[in-house]
C-alpha cells in the first residue's frame, strides 16, 4: 500500500472519530424548552433535562446560605412553578428578572429540581 493511501485512510479515520465525538457531545447537552404547564405535565420523567423559562415571582426568593439551597418561583402565561436549586446563588437573581432553569420536574414535591440556572440580564433588553 502506498504512503498516500495510508495517509488518506488515516485522515478518514481521524475525521470519523472527531465527528463521532462532536455528535455525542451535542446529543447529551441539548434539552427542550418547555412552558411551565408542559414542565408540570412531565410526570417525573427524569431521563432528560428540560429548560423552563419565566419571570421570577416577586418576594418568592429564599436562600439558605448554610445549605446552599435556593428556592423561588417563576411564572409565564401558562402558570407558576416552584424551583429548587442546590448551589451558589446567582448574582443576578432578583425579582422580575427572567430566569431559565435546566432540570427535571418532581411531581412528588411539586418542585422543579434545577441542575443549572441562567439569568437574563434586564439591561440588555431595556429600550435606549
C-alpha atoms as a PDB file:
ATOM      1  CA  UNK A   1       0.000   0.000   0.000  1.00  0.00           C
ATOM      2  CA  UNK A   2       1.377   3.392  -0.927  1.00  0.00           C
ATOM      3  CA  UNK A   3       2.092   6.055   1.673  1.00  0.00           C
ATOM      4  CA  UNK A   4      -0.544   8.397   0.189  1.00  0.00           C
ATOM      5  CA  UNK A   5      -3.227   5.699   0.572  1.00  0.00           C
ATOM      6  CA  UNK A   6      -2.204   5.125   4.206  1.00  0.00           C
ATOM      7  CA  UNK A   7      -2.327   8.883   4.817  1.00  0.00           C
ATOM      8  CA  UNK A   8      -5.809   9.088   3.239  1.00  0.00           C
ATOM      9  CA  UNK A   9      -7.143   6.181   5.328  1.00  0.00           C
ATOM     10  CA  UNK A  10      -5.657   7.701   8.493  1.00  0.00           C
ATOM     11  CA  UNK A  11      -7.270  11.057   7.692  1.00  0.00           C
ATOM     12  CA  UNK A  12     -10.672   9.438   7.168  1.00  0.00           C
ATOM     13  CA  UNK A  13     -10.404   7.557  10.477  1.00  0.00           C
ATOM     14  CA  UNK A  14      -9.461  10.746  12.356  1.00  0.00           C
ATOM     15  CA  UNK A  15     -12.357  12.659  10.731  1.00  0.00           C
ATOM     16  CA  UNK A  16     -14.830   9.913  11.701  1.00  0.00           C
ATOM     17  CA  UNK A  17     -13.610   9.878  15.306  1.00  0.00           C
ATOM     18  CA  UNK A  18     -13.865  13.669  15.598  1.00  0.00           C
ATOM     19  CA  UNK A  19     -17.330  13.643  14.014  1.00  0.00           C
ATOM     20  CA  UNK A  20     -18.484  10.947  16.424  1.00  0.00           C
ATOM     21  CA  UNK A  21     -17.204  12.857  19.448  1.00  0.00           C
ATOM     22  CA  UNK A  22     -18.979  16.024  18.309  1.00  0.00           C
ATOM     23  CA  UNK A  23     -22.250  14.146  17.763  1.00  0.00           C
ATOM     24  CA  UNK A  24     -22.088  12.516  21.203  1.00  0.00           C
ATOM     25  CA  UNK A  25     -21.300  15.791  22.978  1.00  0.00           C
ATOM     26  CA  UNK A  26     -24.222  17.612  21.339  1.00  0.00           C
ATOM     27  CA  UNK A  27     -26.747  14.856  21.987  1.00  0.00           C
ATOM     28  CA  UNK A  28     -26.046  14.882  25.727  1.00  0.00           C
ATOM     29  CA  UNK A  29     -26.100  18.642  26.160  1.00  0.00           C
ATOM     30  CA  UNK A  30     -29.318  19.544  24.405  1.00  0.00           C
ATOM     31  CA  UNK A  31     -32.533  19.993  26.286  1.00  0.00           C
ATOM     32  CA  UNK A  32     -36.026  21.016  25.292  1.00  0.00           C
ATOM     33  CA  UNK A  33     -37.604  24.372  26.189  1.00  0.00           C
ATOM     34  CA  UNK A  34     -40.974  23.890  27.873  1.00  0.00           C
ATOM     35  CA  UNK A  35     -43.647  26.172  29.254  1.00  0.00           C
ATOM     36  CA  UNK A  36     -44.460  25.956  32.961  1.00  0.00           C
ATOM     37  CA  UNK A  37     -47.559  23.860  32.193  1.00  0.00           C
ATOM     38  CA  UNK A  38     -45.584  21.487  29.966  1.00  0.00           C
ATOM     39  CA  UNK A  39     -42.901  21.054  32.639  1.00  0.00           C
ATOM     40  CA  UNK A  40     -45.537  20.153  35.243  1.00  0.00           C
ATOM     41  CA  UNK A  41     -47.002  17.600  32.838  1.00  0.00           C
ATOM     42  CA  UNK A  42     -43.684  15.715  32.624  1.00  0.00           C
ATOM     43  CA  UNK A  43     -44.829  13.254  35.343  1.00  0.00           C
ATOM     44  CA  UNK A  44     -41.349  12.859  36.758  1.00  0.00           C
ATOM     45  CA  UNK A  45     -39.642  11.647  33.587  1.00  0.00           C
ATOM     46  CA  UNK A  46     -36.087  12.075  34.873  1.00  0.00           C
ATOM     47  CA  UNK A  47     -34.324  10.674  31.823  1.00  0.00           C
ATOM     48  CA  UNK A  48     -33.919  14.029  30.076  1.00  0.00           C
ATOM     49  CA  UNK A  49     -33.289  17.524  31.384  1.00  0.00           C
ATOM     50  CA  UNK A  50     -35.594  20.263  30.145  1.00  0.00           C
ATOM     51  CA  UNK A  51     -35.422  24.061  30.209  1.00  0.00           C
ATOM     52  CA  UNK A  52     -38.180  26.192  31.686  1.00  0.00           C
ATOM     53  CA  UNK A  53     -38.119  29.980  31.405  1.00  0.00           C
ATOM     54  CA  UNK A  54     -40.204  32.502  33.261  1.00  0.00           C
ATOM     55  CA  UNK A  55     -40.300  35.739  35.192  1.00  0.00           C
ATOM     56  CA  UNK A  56     -39.248  35.421  38.832  1.00  0.00           C
ATOM     57  CA  UNK A  57     -42.264  35.925  41.090  1.00  0.00           C
ATOM     58  CA  UNK A  58     -41.750  38.922  43.425  1.00  0.00           C
ATOM     59  CA  UNK A  59     -40.862  38.030  47.035  1.00  0.00           C
ATOM     60  CA  UNK A  60     -40.507  34.308  46.251  1.00  0.00           C
ATOM     61  CA  UNK A  61     -36.705  34.082  46.586  1.00  0.00           C
ATOM     62  CA  UNK A  62     -35.426  32.144  49.622  1.00  0.00           C
ATOM     63  CA  UNK A  63     -31.764  31.208  50.028  1.00  0.00           C
ATOM     64  CA  UNK A  64     -30.306  29.081  52.824  1.00  0.00           C
ATOM     65  CA  UNK A  65     -26.632  30.086  52.982  1.00  0.00           C
ATOM     66  CA  UNK A  66     -25.703  27.178  55.268  1.00  0.00           C
ATOM     67  CA  UNK A  67     -27.187  24.529  52.962  1.00  0.00           C
ATOM     68  CA  UNK A  68     -26.609  26.453  49.702  1.00  0.00           C
ATOM     69  CA  UNK A  69     -30.248  25.757  48.868  1.00  0.00           C
ATOM     70  CA  UNK A  70     -32.216  28.219  46.765  1.00  0.00           C
ATOM     71  CA  UNK A  71     -35.956  28.197  46.166  1.00  0.00           C
ATOM     72  CA  UNK A  72     -38.013  30.645  44.144  1.00  0.00           C
ATOM     73  CA  UNK A  73     -40.953  30.665  41.766  1.00  0.00           C
ATOM     74  CA  UNK A  74     -41.212  31.588  38.115  1.00  0.00           C
ATOM     75  CA  UNK A  75     -44.294  32.292  36.041  1.00  0.00           C
ATOM     76  CA  UNK A  76     -45.237  32.501  32.419  1.00  0.00           C
ATOM     77  CA  UNK A  77     -48.517  32.719  30.521  1.00  0.00           C
ATOM     78  CA  UNK A  78     -49.336  29.088  31.399  1.00  0.00           C
ATOM     79  CA  UNK A  79     -48.852  29.192  35.180  1.00  0.00           C
ATOM     80  CA  UNK A  80     -46.411  29.312  38.071  1.00  0.00           C
ATOM     81  CA  UNK A  81     -43.672  26.842  39.028  1.00  0.00           C
ATOM     82  CA  UNK A  82     -41.552  26.482  42.182  1.00  0.00           C
ATOM     83  CA  UNK A  83     -37.833  25.968  41.542  1.00  0.00           C
ATOM     84  CA  UNK A  84     -35.369  24.197  43.858  1.00  0.00           C
ATOM     85  CA  UNK A  85     -31.625  24.582  43.288  1.00  0.00           C
ATOM     86  CA  UNK A  86     -28.593  23.442  45.308  1.00  0.00           C
ATOM     87  CA  UNK A  87     -25.529  25.603  44.784  1.00  0.00           C
ATOM     88  CA  UNK A  88     -24.338  29.189  44.994  1.00  0.00           C
ATOM     89  CA  UNK A  89     -26.970  31.858  44.458  1.00  0.00           C
ATOM     90  CA  UNK A  90     -26.615  33.533  41.040  1.00  0.00           C
ATOM     91  CA  UNK A  91     -25.543  37.185  41.275  1.00  0.00           C
ATOM     92  CA  UNK A  92     -28.329  38.462  39.046  1.00  0.00           C
ATOM     93  CA  UNK A  93     -31.159  36.690  40.867  1.00  0.00           C
ATOM     94  CA  UNK A  94     -33.681  39.433  41.645  1.00  0.00           C
ATOM     95  CA  UNK A  95     -37.449  39.828  41.429  1.00  0.00           C
ATOM     96  CA  UNK A  96     -38.952  40.350  37.978  1.00  0.00           C
ATOM     97  CA  UNK A  97     -35.862  39.129  36.119  1.00  0.00           C
ATOM     98  CA  UNK A  98     -36.347  36.272  33.689  1.00  0.00           C
ATOM     99  CA  UNK A  99     -34.722  33.013  34.714  1.00  0.00           C
ATOM    100  CA  UNK A 100     -34.102  29.791  32.834  1.00  0.00           C
ATOM    101  CA  UNK A 101     -33.953  26.612  34.917  1.00  0.00           C
ATOM    102  CA  UNK A 102     -32.463  23.415  33.499  1.00  0.00           C
ATOM    103  CA  UNK A 103     -33.503  20.212  35.239  1.00  0.00           C
ATOM    104  CA  UNK A 104     -36.496  17.970  35.934  1.00  0.00           C
ATOM    105  CA  UNK A 105     -39.948  18.334  37.462  1.00  0.00           C
ATOM    106  CA  UNK A 106     -40.591  16.237  40.587  1.00  0.00           C
ATOM    107  CA  UNK A 107     -44.349  15.589  40.879  1.00  0.00           C
ATOM    108  CA  UNK A 108     -43.952  14.231  44.438  1.00  0.00           C
ATOM    109  CA  UNK A 109     -42.673  17.564  45.759  1.00  0.00           C
ATOM    110  CA  UNK A 110     -44.296  19.805  43.155  1.00  0.00           C
ATOM    111  CA  UNK A 111     -40.879  21.402  42.592  1.00  0.00           C
ATOM    112  CA  UNK A 112     -38.743  21.752  39.503  1.00  0.00           C
ATOM    113  CA  UNK A 113     -35.306  20.499  40.585  1.00  0.00           C
ATOM    114  CA  UNK A 114     -32.787  22.606  38.695  1.00  0.00           C
ATOM    115  CA  UNK A 115     -29.264  21.438  37.921  1.00  0.00           C
ATOM    116  CA  UNK A 116     -28.410  24.776  36.314  1.00  0.00           C
ATOM    117  CA  UNK A 117     -29.792  28.327  36.471  1.00  0.00           C
ATOM    118  CA  UNK A 118     -29.384  31.046  33.874  1.00  0.00           C
ATOM    119  CA  UNK A 119     -30.423  34.651  34.486  1.00  0.00           C
ATOM    120  CA  UNK A 120     -31.295  37.021  31.686  1.00  0.00           C
ATOM    121  CA  UNK A 121     -29.733  40.437  32.190  1.00  0.00           C
ATOM    122  CA  UNK A 122     -32.532  43.031  32.191  1.00  0.00           C
ATOM    123  CA  UNK A 123     -30.249  45.847  31.000  1.00  0.00           C
ATOM    124  CA  UNK A 124     -29.743  44.058  27.687  1.00  0.00           C
ATOM    125  CA  UNK A 125     -33.453  44.325  26.944  1.00  0.00           C
ATOM    126  CA  UNK A 126     -34.137  47.887  28.067  1.00  0.00           C
ATOM    127  CA  UNK A 127     -35.023  50.425  25.413  1.00  0.00           C
ATOM    128  CA  UNK A 128     -32.342  53.069  24.897  1.00  0.00           C
END
